[in-house]
Amino acid sequence: MDLEQVSVNIFKVIDVLWLPLSWFVVRPYQRWITLAFVLTCILTLRLQVELMDSTGFSFGFMHLMASSSYARGLVVYGAAIAIFLILAYLSPKVEKIIVFGAALSIYFAAFCTSMVLMTL
C-alpha cells in the first residue's frame, strides 16, 4: 500500500476522530447527548454524500466548486461539531435539556448549510 492510498483511506474516515475527542471534552452528564450528536452528524454526512453520488453529481449540481461533496460536508459538519463542543465545554452547569436543544439546533443548521453547499 502506497502513501497516497493510505491518505485517501484516512480522509474517508477522518470524521470518526470526533468521537473520542467529544467523549473527553464535555462534562460527564453531557457525554451521551454529545456522542449522539456527533454520530448523527457523521451518519448524515455519509447519507448526503451517498445521495449526491447516486444522482451522478458528486461535485454538485451546478459545478461551481471544485471540491467534492464529501469534502464540503466534512468542513461544514466539522465546524458544527467544533462549535457544539466549544459551547458544551464553556457551559458547565447547563441542564441536559438545554444541551439537547443546542444539539438539535446546531444539527439542523449544519444539515441545511451542508445540503446547500453540496448542491453548488
PDB file of N, CA and C in Angstrom:
ATOM      1  N   MET A   1       0.845  -1.182   0.000  1.00  0.00           N
ATOM      2  CA  MET A   1       0.000   0.000   0.000  1.00  0.00           C
ATOM      3  C   MET A   1       0.886   1.239   0.000  1.00  0.00           C
ATOM      4  N   ASP A   2       0.652   2.120  -0.927  1.00  0.00           N
ATOM      5  CA  ASP A   2       1.482   3.315  -1.006  1.00  0.00           C
ATOM      6  C   ASP A   2       0.902   4.442  -0.149  1.00  0.00           C
ATOM      7  N   LEU A   3       1.663   5.492  -0.032  1.00  0.00           N
ATOM      8  CA  LEU A   3       1.296   6.609   0.842  1.00  0.00           C
ATOM      9  C   LEU A   3       0.024   7.309   0.380  1.00  0.00           C
ATOM     10  N   GLU A   4      -0.172   7.415  -0.917  1.00  0.00           N
ATOM     11  CA  GLU A   4      -1.377   8.068  -1.442  1.00  0.00           C
ATOM     12  C   GLU A   4      -2.635   7.288  -1.071  1.00  0.00           C
ATOM     13  N   GLN A   5      -2.571   5.973  -1.162  1.00  0.00           N
ATOM     14  CA  GLN A   5      -3.724   5.137  -0.810  1.00  0.00           C
ATOM     15  C   GLN A   5      -4.040   5.250   0.681  1.00  0.00           C
ATOM     16  N   VAL A   6      -3.014   5.317   1.500  1.00  0.00           N
ATOM     17  CA  VAL A   6      -3.216   5.463   2.949  1.00  0.00           C
ATOM     18  C   VAL A   6      -3.885   6.797   3.251  1.00  0.00           C
ATOM     19  N   SER A   7      -3.431   7.862   2.599  1.00  0.00           N
ATOM     20  CA  SER A   7      -4.035   9.173   2.849  1.00  0.00           C
ATOM     21  C   SER A   7      -5.479   9.228   2.376  1.00  0.00           C
ATOM     22  N   VAL A   8      -5.805   8.554   1.281  1.00  0.00           N
ATOM     23  CA  VAL A   8      -7.190   8.507   0.801  1.00  0.00           C
ATOM     24  C   VAL A   8      -8.061   7.757   1.804  1.00  0.00           C
ATOM     25  N   ASN A   9      -7.565   6.659   2.345  1.00  0.00           N
ATOM     26  CA  ASN A   9      -8.333   5.892   3.328  1.00  0.00           C
ATOM     27  C   ASN A   9      -8.515   6.665   4.626  1.00  0.00           C
ATOM     28  N   ILE A  10      -7.514   7.417   5.041  1.00  0.00           N
ATOM     29  CA  ILE A  10      -7.640   8.230   6.250  1.00  0.00           C
ATOM     30  C   ILE A  10      -8.657   9.345   6.024  1.00  0.00           C
ATOM     31  N   PHE A  11      -8.643   9.943   4.839  1.00  0.00           N
ATOM     32  CA  PHE A  11      -9.581  11.020   4.522  1.00  0.00           C
ATOM     33  C   PHE A  11     -11.028  10.524   4.567  1.00  0.00           C
ATOM     34  N   LYS A  12     -11.252   9.260   4.244  1.00  0.00           N
ATOM     35  CA  LYS A  12     -12.610   8.709   4.243  1.00  0.00           C
ATOM     36  C   LYS A  12     -13.185   8.554   5.648  1.00  0.00           C
ATOM     37  N   VAL A  13     -12.317   8.390   6.637  1.00  0.00           N
ATOM     38  CA  VAL A  13     -12.801   8.151   7.998  1.00  0.00           C
ATOM     39  C   VAL A  13     -12.308   9.190   8.993  1.00  0.00           C
ATOM     40  N   ILE A  14     -11.869  10.322   8.518  1.00  0.00           N
ATOM     41  CA  ILE A  14     -11.298  11.323   9.429  1.00  0.00           C
ATOM     42  C   ILE A  14     -12.351  11.913  10.369  1.00  0.00           C
ATOM     43  N   ASP A  15     -13.600  11.931   9.961  1.00  0.00           N
ATOM     44  CA  ASP A  15     -14.638  12.495  10.814  1.00  0.00           C
ATOM     45  C   ASP A  15     -14.928  11.632  12.033  1.00  0.00           C
ATOM     46  N   VAL A  16     -14.530  10.379  12.012  1.00  0.00           N
ATOM     47  CA  VAL A  16     -14.744   9.492  13.161  1.00  0.00           C
ATOM     48  C   VAL A  16     -13.852   9.901  14.330  1.00  0.00           C
ATOM     49  N   LEU A  17     -12.804  10.667  14.070  1.00  0.00           N
ATOM     50  CA  LEU A  17     -11.929  11.123  15.153  1.00  0.00           C
ATOM     51  C   LEU A  17     -12.633  12.074  16.116  1.00  0.00           C
ATOM     52  N   TRP A  18     -13.779  12.611  15.713  1.00  0.00           N
ATOM     53  CA  TRP A  18     -14.542  13.477  16.615  1.00  0.00           C
ATOM     54  C   TRP A  18     -15.120  12.691  17.790  1.00  0.00           C
ATOM     55  N   LEU A  19     -15.355  11.388  17.625  1.00  0.00           N
ATOM     56  CA  LEU A  19     -15.989  10.599  18.690  1.00  0.00           C
ATOM     57  C   LEU A  19     -15.155  10.543  19.973  1.00  0.00           C
ATOM     58  N   PRO A  20     -13.891  10.106  19.922  1.00  0.00           N
ATOM     59  CA  PRO A  20     -13.136  10.101  21.193  1.00  0.00           C
ATOM     60  C   PRO A  20     -12.880  11.499  21.732  1.00  0.00           C
ATOM     61  N   LEU A  21     -12.695  12.460  20.837  1.00  0.00           N
ATOM     62  CA  LEU A  21     -12.480  13.831  21.288  1.00  0.00           C
ATOM     63  C   LEU A  21     -13.703  14.347  22.036  1.00  0.00           C
ATOM     64  N   SER A  22     -14.886  14.074  21.491  1.00  0.00           N
ATOM     65  CA  SER A  22     -16.106  14.573  22.127  1.00  0.00           C
ATOM     66  C   SER A  22     -16.361  13.902  23.474  1.00  0.00           C
ATOM     67  N   TRP A  23     -15.910  12.682  23.645  1.00  0.00           N
ATOM     68  CA  TRP A  23     -16.099  11.989  24.919  1.00  0.00           C
ATOM     69  C   TRP A  23     -15.307  12.660  26.039  1.00  0.00           C
ATOM     70  N   PHE A  24     -14.110  13.134  25.721  1.00  0.00           N
ATOM     71  CA  PHE A  24     -13.237  13.685  26.754  1.00  0.00           C
ATOM     72  C   PHE A  24     -13.373  15.190  26.939  1.00  0.00           C
ATOM     73  N   VAL A  25     -13.930  15.896  25.972  1.00  0.00           N
ATOM     74  CA  VAL A  25     -14.017  17.354  26.059  1.00  0.00           C
ATOM     75  C   VAL A  25     -15.176  17.803  26.948  1.00  0.00           C
ATOM     76  N   VAL A  26     -16.303  17.139  26.852  1.00  0.00           N
ATOM     77  CA  VAL A  26     -17.511  17.605  27.550  1.00  0.00           C
ATOM     78  C   VAL A  26     -17.587  17.032  28.957  1.00  0.00           C
ATOM     79  N   ARG A  27     -18.503  17.570  29.739  1.00  0.00           N
ATOM     80  CA  ARG A  27     -18.729  17.105  31.114  1.00  0.00           C
ATOM     81  C   ARG A  27     -19.385  15.720  31.093  1.00  0.00           C
ATOM     82  N   PRO A  28     -19.267  14.959  32.164  1.00  0.00           N
ATOM     83  CA  PRO A  28     -19.824  13.594  32.180  1.00  0.00           C
ATOM     84  C   PRO A  28     -21.330  13.522  31.904  1.00  0.00           C
ATOM     85  N   TYR A  29     -22.101  14.483  32.376  1.00  0.00           N
ATOM     86  CA  TYR A  29     -23.546  14.419  32.144  1.00  0.00           C
ATOM     87  C   TYR A  29     -23.925  14.850  30.722  1.00  0.00           C
ATOM     88  N   GLN A  30     -22.979  15.394  29.965  1.00  0.00           N
ATOM     89  CA  GLN A  30     -23.234  15.811  28.588  1.00  0.00           C
ATOM     90  C   GLN A  30     -22.743  14.785  27.566  1.00  0.00           C
ATOM     91  N   ARG A  31     -22.094  13.742  28.008  1.00  0.00           N
ATOM     92  CA  ARG A  31     -21.398  12.835  27.090  1.00  0.00           C
ATOM     93  C   ARG A  31     -22.320  12.092  26.133  1.00  0.00           C
ATOM     94  N   TRP A  32     -23.398  11.532  26.624  1.00  0.00           N
ATOM     95  CA  TRP A  32     -24.241  10.719  25.750  1.00  0.00           C
ATOM     96  C   TRP A  32     -24.963  11.568  24.714  1.00  0.00           C
ATOM     97  N   ILE A  33     -25.383  12.741  25.106  1.00  0.00           N
ATOM     98  CA  ILE A  33     -26.023  13.643  24.139  1.00  0.00           C
ATOM     99  C   ILE A  33     -24.996  14.077  23.094  1.00  0.00           C
ATOM    100  N   THR A  34     -23.787  14.346  23.524  1.00  0.00           N
ATOM    101  CA  THR A  34     -22.732  14.755  22.598  1.00  0.00           C
ATOM    102  C   THR A  34     -22.373  13.627  21.642  1.00  0.00           C
ATOM    103  N   LEU A  35     -22.251  12.418  22.148  1.00  0.00           N
ATOM    104  CA  LEU A  35     -21.961  11.283  21.267  1.00  0.00           C
ATOM    105  C   LEU A  35     -23.088  11.054  20.264  1.00  0.00           C
ATOM    106  N   ALA A  36     -24.319  11.193  20.701  1.00  0.00           N
ATOM    107  CA  ALA A  36     -25.447  11.047  19.777  1.00  0.00           C
ATOM    108  C   ALA A  36     -25.412  12.132  18.701  1.00  0.00           C
ATOM    109  N   PHE A  37     -25.071  13.351  19.104  1.00  0.00           N
ATOM    110  CA  PHE A  37     -24.973  14.445  18.151  1.00  0.00           C
ATOM    111  C   PHE A  37     -23.879  14.187  17.120  1.00  0.00           C
ATOM    112  N   VAL A  38     -22.706  13.782  17.569  1.00  0.00           N
ATOM    113  CA  VAL A  38     -21.586  13.542  16.656  1.00  0.00           C
ATOM    114  C   VAL A  38     -21.890  12.369  15.731  1.00  0.00           C
ATOM    115  N   LEU A  39     -22.434  11.286  16.261  1.00  0.00           N
ATOM    116  CA  LEU A  39     -22.803  10.145  15.416  1.00  0.00           C
ATOM    117  C   LEU A  39     -23.859  10.516  14.387  1.00  0.00           C
ATOM    118  N   THR A  40     -24.832  11.321  14.786  1.00  0.00           N
ATOM    119  CA  THR A  40     -25.857  11.762  13.854  1.00  0.00           C
ATOM    120  C   THR A  40     -25.257  12.620  12.744  1.00  0.00           C
ATOM    121  N   CYS A  41     -24.330  13.476  13.091  1.00  0.00           N
ATOM    122  CA  CYS A  41     -23.664  14.300  12.074  1.00  0.00           C
ATOM    123  C   CYS A  41     -22.858  13.439  11.108  1.00  0.00           C
ATOM    124  N   ILE A  42     -22.137  12.449  11.638  1.00  0.00           N
ATOM    125  CA  ILE A  42     -21.326  11.579  10.792  1.00  0.00           C
ATOM    126  C   ILE A  42     -22.208  10.779   9.838  1.00  0.00           C
ATOM    127  N   LEU A  43     -23.279  10.203  10.365  1.00  0.00           N
ATOM    128  CA  LEU A  43     -24.170   9.404   9.523  1.00  0.00           C
ATOM    129  C   LEU A  43     -24.906  10.261   8.499  1.00  0.00           C
ATOM    130  N   THR A  44     -25.315  11.444   8.884  1.00  0.00           N
ATOM    131  CA  THR A  44     -25.995  12.330   7.950  1.00  0.00           C
ATOM    132  C   THR A  44     -25.059  12.759   6.834  1.00  0.00           C
ATOM    133  N   LEU A  45     -23.814  13.050   7.177  1.00  0.00           N
ATOM    134  CA  LEU A  45     -22.831  13.399   6.158  1.00  0.00           C
ATOM    135  C   LEU A  45     -22.691  12.274   5.141  1.00  0.00           C
ATOM    136  N   ARG A  46     -22.573  11.064   5.619  1.00  0.00           N
ATOM    137  CA  ARG A  46     -22.408   9.927   4.709  1.00  0.00           C
ATOM    138  C   ARG A  46     -23.657   9.698   3.860  1.00  0.00           C
ATOM    139  N   LEU A  47     -24.833   9.895   4.445  1.00  0.00           N
ATOM    140  CA  LEU A  47     -26.065   9.742   3.666  1.00  0.00           C
ATOM    141  C   LEU A  47     -26.198  10.824   2.605  1.00  0.00           C
ATOM    142  N   GLN A  48     -25.841  12.048   2.940  1.00  0.00           N
ATOM    143  CA  GLN A  48     -25.910  13.137   1.965  1.00  0.00           C
ATOM    144  C   GLN A  48     -24.922  12.910   0.823  1.00  0.00           C
ATOM    145  N   VAL A  49     -23.728  12.455   1.136  1.00  0.00           N
ATOM    146  CA  VAL A  49     -22.739  12.176   0.095  1.00  0.00           C
ATOM    147  C   VAL A  49     -23.216  11.032  -0.791  1.00  0.00           C
ATOM    148  N   GLU A  50     -23.787  10.005  -0.183  1.00  0.00           N
ATOM    149  CA  GLU A  50     -24.329   8.884  -0.962  1.00  0.00           C
ATOM    150  C   GLU A  50     -25.457   9.350  -1.877  1.00  0.00           C
ATOM    151  N   LEU A  51     -26.286  10.250  -1.388  1.00  0.00           N
ATOM    152  CA  LEU A  51     -27.363  10.806  -2.209  1.00  0.00           C
ATOM    153  C   LEU A  51     -26.808  11.575  -3.399  1.00  0.00           C
ATOM    154  N   MET A  52     -25.787  12.390  -3.152  1.00  0.00           N
ATOM    155  CA  MET A  52     -25.182  13.158  -4.247  1.00  0.00           C
ATOM    156  C   MET A  52     -24.488  12.236  -5.245  1.00  0.00           C
ATOM    157  N   ASP A  53     -23.827  11.206  -4.751  1.00  0.00           N
ATOM    158  CA  ASP A  53     -23.150  10.269  -5.651  1.00  0.00           C
ATOM    159  C   ASP A  53     -24.146   9.452  -6.472  1.00  0.00           C
ATOM    160  N   SER A  54     -25.273   9.099  -5.873  1.00  0.00           N
ATOM    161  CA  SER A  54     -26.261   8.293  -6.594  1.00  0.00           C
ATOM    162  C   SER A  54     -26.947   9.077  -7.715  1.00  0.00           C
ATOM    163  N   THR A  55     -26.958  10.399  -7.600  1.00  0.00           N
ATOM    164  CA  THR A  55     -27.531  11.205  -8.680  1.00  0.00           C
ATOM    165  C   THR A  55     -26.534  11.427  -9.807  1.00  0.00           C
ATOM    166  N   GLY A  56     -25.263  11.109  -9.550  1.00  0.00           N
ATOM    167  CA  GLY A  56     -24.239  11.297 -10.563  1.00  0.00           C
ATOM    168  C   GLY A  56     -23.579  12.659 -10.517  1.00  0.00           C
ATOM    169  N   PHE A  57     -23.914  13.455  -9.529  1.00  0.00           N
ATOM    170  CA  PHE A  57     -23.351  14.799  -9.380  1.00  0.00           C
ATOM    171  C   PHE A  57     -22.540  14.874  -8.090  1.00  0.00           C
ATOM    172  N   SER A  58     -21.444  14.138  -8.027  1.00  0.00           N
ATOM    173  CA  SER A  58     -20.661  14.119  -6.789  1.00  0.00           C
ATOM    174  C   SER A  58     -19.900  15.422  -6.552  1.00  0.00           C
ATOM    175  N   PHE A  59     -19.857  16.312  -7.543  1.00  0.00           N
ATOM    176  CA  PHE A  59     -19.228  17.622  -7.360  1.00  0.00           C
ATOM    177  C   PHE A  59     -20.262  18.740  -7.364  1.00  0.00           C
ATOM    178  N   GLY A  60     -21.530  18.405  -7.159  1.00  0.00           N
ATOM    179  CA  GLY A  60     -22.591  19.396  -7.092  1.00  0.00           C
ATOM    180  C   GLY A  60     -23.380  19.474  -8.391  1.00  0.00           C
ATOM    181  N   PHE A  61     -24.577  19.998  -8.295  1.00  0.00           N
ATOM    182  CA  PHE A  61     -25.441  20.106  -9.466  1.00  0.00           C
ATOM    183  C   PHE A  61     -24.992  21.230 -10.399  1.00  0.00           C
ATOM    184  N   MET A  62     -24.437  22.290  -9.846  1.00  0.00           N
ATOM    185  CA  MET A  62     -24.071  23.452 -10.644  1.00  0.00           C
ATOM    186  C   MET A  62     -22.589  23.518 -10.984  1.00  0.00           C
ATOM    187  N   HIS A  63     -21.777  22.661 -10.380  1.00  0.00           N
ATOM    188  CA  HIS A  63     -20.328  22.611 -10.605  1.00  0.00           C
ATOM    189  C   HIS A  63     -19.658  23.963 -10.370  1.00  0.00           C
ATOM    190  N   LEU A  64     -20.088  24.665  -9.333  1.00  0.00           N
ATOM    191  CA  LEU A  64     -19.491  25.951  -9.009  1.00  0.00           C
ATOM    192  C   LEU A  64     -18.242  25.824  -8.149  1.00  0.00           C
ATOM    193  N   MET A  65     -18.060  24.684  -7.512  1.00  0.00           N
ATOM    194  CA  MET A  65     -16.907  24.466  -6.643  1.00  0.00           C
ATOM    195  C   MET A  65     -16.142  23.233  -7.134  1.00  0.00           C
ATOM    196  N   ALA A  66     -14.843  23.262  -6.971  1.00  0.00           N
ATOM    197  CA  ALA A  66     -14.015  22.160  -7.468  1.00  0.00           C
ATOM    198  C   ALA A  66     -13.925  20.994  -6.493  1.00  0.00           C
ATOM    199  N   SER A  67     -14.244  21.218  -5.236  1.00  0.00           N
ATOM    200  CA  SER A  67     -14.123  20.157  -4.242  1.00  0.00           C
ATOM    201  C   SER A  67     -15.311  19.204  -4.320  1.00  0.00           C
ATOM    202  N   SER A  68     -15.111  18.005  -3.796  1.00  0.00           N
ATOM    203  CA  SER A  68     -16.182  17.011  -3.801  1.00  0.00           C
ATOM    204  C   SER A  68     -17.219  17.334  -2.729  1.00  0.00           C
ATOM    205  N   SER A  69     -18.366  16.722  -2.854  1.00  0.00           N
ATOM    206  CA  SER A  69     -19.418  16.969  -1.871  1.00  0.00           C
ATOM    207  C   SER A  69     -19.018  16.448  -0.493  1.00  0.00           C
ATOM    208  N   TYR A  70     -18.218  15.390  -0.455  1.00  0.00           N
ATOM    209  CA  TYR A  70     -17.742  14.879   0.831  1.00  0.00           C
ATOM    210  C   TYR A  70     -16.845  15.897   1.530  1.00  0.00           C
ATOM    211  N   ALA A  71     -15.951  16.509   0.790  1.00  0.00           N
ATOM    212  CA  ALA A  71     -15.046  17.499   1.395  1.00  0.00           C
ATOM    213  C   ALA A  71     -15.827  18.705   1.907  1.00  0.00           C
ATOM    214  N   ARG A  72     -16.822  19.151   1.157  1.00  0.00           N
ATOM    215  CA  ARG A  72     -17.624  20.294   1.605  1.00  0.00           C
ATOM    216  C   ARG A  72     -18.419  19.945   2.850  1.00  0.00           C
ATOM    217  N   GLY A  73     -19.028  18.769   2.851  1.00  0.00           N
ATOM    218  CA  GLY A  73     -19.789  18.336   4.020  1.00  0.00           C
ATOM    219  C   GLY A  73     -18.908  18.115   5.230  1.00  0.00           C
ATOM    220  N   LEU A  74     -17.709  17.622   4.999  1.00  0.00           N
ATOM    221  CA  LEU A  74     -16.770  17.404   6.091  1.00  0.00           C
ATOM    222  C   LEU A  74     -16.405  18.717   6.768  1.00  0.00           C
ATOM    223  N   VAL A  75     -16.234  19.761   5.994  1.00  0.00           N
ATOM    224  CA  VAL A  75     -15.915  21.065   6.568  1.00  0.00           C
ATOM    225  C   VAL A  75     -17.098  21.612   7.359  1.00  0.00           C
ATOM    226  N   VAL A  76     -18.295  21.506   6.795  1.00  0.00           N
ATOM    227  CA  VAL A  76     -19.481  22.053   7.467  1.00  0.00           C
ATOM    228  C   VAL A  76     -19.768  21.298   8.761  1.00  0.00           C
ATOM    229  N   TYR A  77     -19.813  19.984   8.685  1.00  0.00           N
ATOM    230  CA  TYR A  77     -20.110  19.213   9.892  1.00  0.00           C
ATOM    231  C   TYR A  77     -18.973  19.285  10.905  1.00  0.00           C
ATOM    232  N   GLY A  78     -17.736  19.386  10.440  1.00  0.00           N
ATOM    233  CA  GLY A  78     -16.615  19.565  11.363  1.00  0.00           C
ATOM    234  C   GLY A  78     -16.722  20.872  12.123  1.00  0.00           C
ATOM    235  N   ALA A  79     -17.103  21.918  11.407  1.00  0.00           N
ATOM    236  CA  ALA A  79     -17.287  23.218  12.074  1.00  0.00           C
ATOM    237  C   ALA A  79     -18.451  23.160  13.064  1.00  0.00           C
ATOM    238  N   ALA A  80     -19.533  22.488  12.684  1.00  0.00           N
ATOM    239  CA  ALA A  80     -20.685  22.378  13.584  1.00  0.00           C
ATOM    240  C   ALA A  80     -20.336  21.591  14.840  1.00  0.00           C
ATOM    241  N   ILE A  81     -19.610  20.509  14.682  1.00  0.00           N
ATOM    242  CA  ILE A  81     -19.211  19.715  15.844  1.00  0.00           C
ATOM    243  C   ILE A  81     -18.260  20.510  16.734  1.00  0.00           C
ATOM    244  N   ALA A  82     -17.336  21.230  16.121  1.00  0.00           N
ATOM    245  CA  ALA A  82     -16.403  22.048  16.910  1.00  0.00           C
ATOM    246  C   ALA A  82     -17.144  23.134  17.683  1.00  0.00           C
ATOM    247  N   ILE A  83     -18.099  23.792  17.042  1.00  0.00           N
ATOM    248  CA  ILE A  83     -18.895  24.818  17.726  1.00  0.00           C
ATOM    249  C   ILE A  83     -19.664  24.212  18.893  1.00  0.00           C
ATOM    250  N   PHE A  84     -20.262  23.048  18.663  1.00  0.00           N
ATOM    251  CA  PHE A  84     -21.024  22.396  19.734  1.00  0.00           C
ATOM    252  C   PHE A  84     -20.116  22.015  20.900  1.00  0.00           C
ATOM    253  N   LEU A  85     -18.942  21.467  20.601  1.00  0.00           N
ATOM    254  CA  LEU A  85     -18.032  21.068  21.675  1.00  0.00           C
ATOM    255  C   LEU A  85     -17.533  22.279  22.465  1.00  0.00           C
ATOM    256  N   ILE A  86     -17.271  23.369  21.779  1.00  0.00           N
ATOM    257  CA  ILE A  86     -16.841  24.585  22.482  1.00  0.00           C
ATOM    258  C   ILE A  86     -17.955  25.102  23.380  1.00  0.00           C
ATOM    259  N   LEU A  87     -19.181  25.128  22.849  1.00  0.00           N
ATOM    260  CA  LEU A  87     -20.314  25.596  23.661  1.00  0.00           C
ATOM    261  C   LEU A  87     -20.578  24.678  24.849  1.00  0.00           C
ATOM    262  N   ALA A  88     -20.469  23.366  24.635  1.00  0.00           N
ATOM    263  CA  ALA A  88     -20.695  22.424  25.731  1.00  0.00           C
ATOM    264  C   ALA A  88     -19.606  22.553  26.797  1.00  0.00           C
ATOM    265  N   TYR A  89     -18.381  22.773  26.366  1.00  0.00           N
ATOM    266  CA  TYR A  89     -17.292  22.931  27.329  1.00  0.00           C
ATOM    267  C   TYR A  89     -17.423  24.218  28.132  1.00  0.00           C
ATOM    268  N   LEU A  90     -17.879  25.272  27.470  1.00  0.00           N
ATOM    269  CA  LEU A  90     -18.000  26.560  28.150  1.00  0.00           C
ATOM    270  C   LEU A  90     -19.290  26.702  28.956  1.00  0.00           C
ATOM    271  N   SER A  91     -20.136  25.680  28.936  1.00  0.00           N
ATOM    272  CA  SER A  91     -21.400  25.708  29.680  1.00  0.00           C
ATOM    273  C   SER A  91     -21.425  24.570  30.700  1.00  0.00           C
ATOM    274  N   PRO A  92     -20.712  24.706  31.799  1.00  0.00           N
ATOM    275  CA  PRO A  92     -20.577  23.581  32.721  1.00  0.00           C
ATOM    276  C   PRO A  92     -21.831  23.261  33.533  1.00  0.00           C
ATOM    277  N   LYS A  93     -22.674  24.243  33.813  1.00  0.00           N
ATOM    278  CA  LYS A  93     -23.809  23.999  34.701  1.00  0.00           C
ATOM    279  C   LYS A  93     -25.150  24.115  33.983  1.00  0.00           C
ATOM    280  N   VAL A  94     -25.172  23.743  32.732  1.00  0.00           N
ATOM    281  CA  VAL A  94     -26.395  23.813  31.936  1.00  0.00           C
ATOM    282  C   VAL A  94     -27.136  22.482  32.067  1.00  0.00           C
ATOM    283  N   GLU A  95     -28.446  22.545  32.097  1.00  0.00           N
ATOM    284  CA  GLU A  95     -29.250  21.326  32.202  1.00  0.00           C
ATOM    285  C   GLU A  95     -29.152  20.515  30.914  1.00  0.00           C
ATOM    286  N   LYS A  96     -29.480  19.224  31.035  1.00  0.00           N
ATOM    287  CA  LYS A  96     -29.395  18.318  29.890  1.00  0.00           C
ATOM    288  C   LYS A  96     -30.315  18.740  28.747  1.00  0.00           C
ATOM    289  N   ILE A  97     -31.479  19.259  29.061  1.00  0.00           N
ATOM    290  CA  ILE A  97     -32.434  19.627  28.016  1.00  0.00           C
ATOM    291  C   ILE A  97     -31.912  20.796  27.183  1.00  0.00           C
ATOM    292  N   ILE A  98     -31.146  21.677  27.799  1.00  0.00           N
ATOM    293  CA  ILE A  98     -30.551  22.793  27.070  1.00  0.00           C
ATOM    294  C   ILE A  98     -29.464  22.277  26.132  1.00  0.00           C
ATOM    295  N   VAL A  99     -28.666  21.323  26.597  1.00  0.00           N
ATOM    296  CA  VAL A  99     -27.641  20.714  25.755  1.00  0.00           C
ATOM    297  C   VAL A  99     -28.297  19.998  24.574  1.00  0.00           C
ATOM    298  N   PHE A 100     -29.399  19.307  24.839  1.00  0.00           N
ATOM    299  CA  PHE A 100     -30.130  18.616  23.778  1.00  0.00           C
ATOM    300  C   PHE A 100     -30.695  19.613  22.768  1.00  0.00           C
ATOM    301  N   GLY A 101     -31.245  20.703  23.237  1.00  0.00           N
ATOM    302  CA  GLY A 101     -31.766  21.738  22.342  1.00  0.00           C
ATOM    303  C   GLY A 101     -30.671  22.370  21.499  1.00  0.00           C
ATOM    304  N   ALA A 102     -29.515  22.594  22.100  1.00  0.00           N
ATOM    305  CA  ALA A 102     -28.387  23.133  21.339  1.00  0.00           C
ATOM    306  C   ALA A 102     -27.923  22.135  20.280  1.00  0.00           C
ATOM    307  N   ALA A 103     -27.908  20.862  20.632  1.00  0.00           N
ATOM    308  CA  ALA A 103     -27.518  19.832  19.666  1.00  0.00           C
ATOM    309  C   ALA A 103     -28.482  19.803  18.478  1.00  0.00           C
ATOM    310  N   LEU A 104     -29.763  19.877  18.760  1.00  0.00           N
ATOM    311  CA  LEU A 104     -30.753  19.871  17.672  1.00  0.00           C
ATOM    312  C   LEU A 104     -30.625  21.090  16.767  1.00  0.00           C
ATOM    313  N   SER A 105     -30.500  22.246  17.357  1.00  0.00           N
ATOM    314  CA  SER A 105     -30.440  23.459  16.544  1.00  0.00           C
ATOM    315  C   SER A 105     -29.161  23.523  15.716  1.00  0.00           C
ATOM    316  N   ILE A 106     -28.032  23.135  16.294  1.00  0.00           N
ATOM    317  CA  ILE A 106     -26.782  23.143  15.543  1.00  0.00           C
ATOM    318  C   ILE A 106     -26.807  22.069  14.459  1.00  0.00           C
ATOM    319  N   TYR A 107     -27.409  20.922  14.746  1.00  0.00           N
ATOM    320  CA  TYR A 107     -27.520  19.869  13.738  1.00  0.00           C
ATOM    321  C   TYR A 107     -28.344  20.334  12.534  1.00  0.00           C
ATOM    322  N   PHE A 108     -29.496  20.925  12.774  1.00  0.00           N
ATOM    323  CA  PHE A 108     -30.333  21.369  11.653  1.00  0.00           C
ATOM    324  C   PHE A 108     -29.670  22.491  10.858  1.00  0.00           C
ATOM    325  N   ALA A 109     -28.954  23.361  11.532  1.00  0.00           N
ATOM    326  CA  ALA A 109     -28.220  24.411  10.814  1.00  0.00           C
ATOM    327  C   ALA A 109     -27.115  23.797   9.952  1.00  0.00           C
ATOM    328  N   ALA A 110     -26.405  22.818  10.477  1.00  0.00           N
ATOM    329  CA  ALA A 110     -25.346  22.158   9.712  1.00  0.00           C
ATOM    330  C   ALA A 110     -25.926  21.364   8.547  1.00  0.00           C
ATOM    331  N   PHE A 111     -27.056  20.703   8.776  1.00  0.00           N
ATOM    332  CA  PHE A 111     -27.688  19.925   7.714  1.00  0.00           C
ATOM    333  C   PHE A 111     -28.093  20.823   6.542  1.00  0.00           C
ATOM    334  N   CYS A 112     -28.760  21.912   6.832  1.00  0.00           N
ATOM    335  CA  CYS A 112     -29.202  22.826   5.769  1.00  0.00           C
ATOM    336  C   CYS A 112     -28.012  23.462   5.059  1.00  0.00           C
ATOM    337  N   THR A 113     -27.015  23.881   5.811  1.00  0.00           N
ATOM    338  CA  THR A 113     -25.840  24.504   5.209  1.00  0.00           C
ATOM    339  C   THR A 113     -25.086  23.515   4.326  1.00  0.00           C
ATOM    340  N   SER A 114     -24.907  22.297   4.807  1.00  0.00           N
ATOM    341  CA  SER A 114     -24.171  21.314   4.011  1.00  0.00           C
ATOM    342  C   SER A 114     -24.943  20.928   2.756  1.00  0.00           C
ATOM    343  N   MET A 115     -26.251  20.840   2.853  1.00  0.00           N
ATOM    344  CA  MET A 115     -27.026  20.490   1.654  1.00  0.00           C
ATOM    345  C   MET A 115     -26.924  21.579   0.600  1.00  0.00           C
ATOM    346  N   VAL A 116     -26.961  22.826   1.023  1.00  0.00           N
ATOM    347  CA  VAL A 116     -26.818  23.928   0.062  1.00  0.00           C
ATOM    348  C   VAL A 116     -25.427  23.910  -0.564  1.00  0.00           C
ATOM    349  N   LEU A 117     -24.394  23.730   0.253  1.00  0.00           N
ATOM    350  CA  LEU A 117     -23.038  23.716  -0.280  1.00  0.00           C
ATOM    351  C   LEU A 117     -22.764  22.492  -1.152  1.00  0.00           C
ATOM    352  N   MET A 118     -23.385  21.369  -0.831  1.00  0.00           N
ATOM    353  CA  MET A 118     -23.188  20.172  -1.643  1.00  0.00           C
ATOM    354  C   MET A 118     -23.838  20.298  -3.017  1.00  0.00           C
ATOM    355  N   THR A 119     -24.905  21.049  -3.099  1.00  0.00           N
ATOM    356  CA  THR A 119     -25.567  21.196  -4.401  1.00  0.00           C
ATOM    357  C   THR A 119     -24.926  22.238  -5.287  1.00  0.00           C
ATOM    358  N   LEU A 120     -24.109  23.139  -4.742  1.00  0.00           N
ATOM    359  CA  LEU A 120     -23.452  24.152  -5.580  1.00  0.00           C
ATOM    360  C   LEU A 120     -22.455  23.561  -6.536  1.00  0.00           C
TER     361      LEU A 120
END
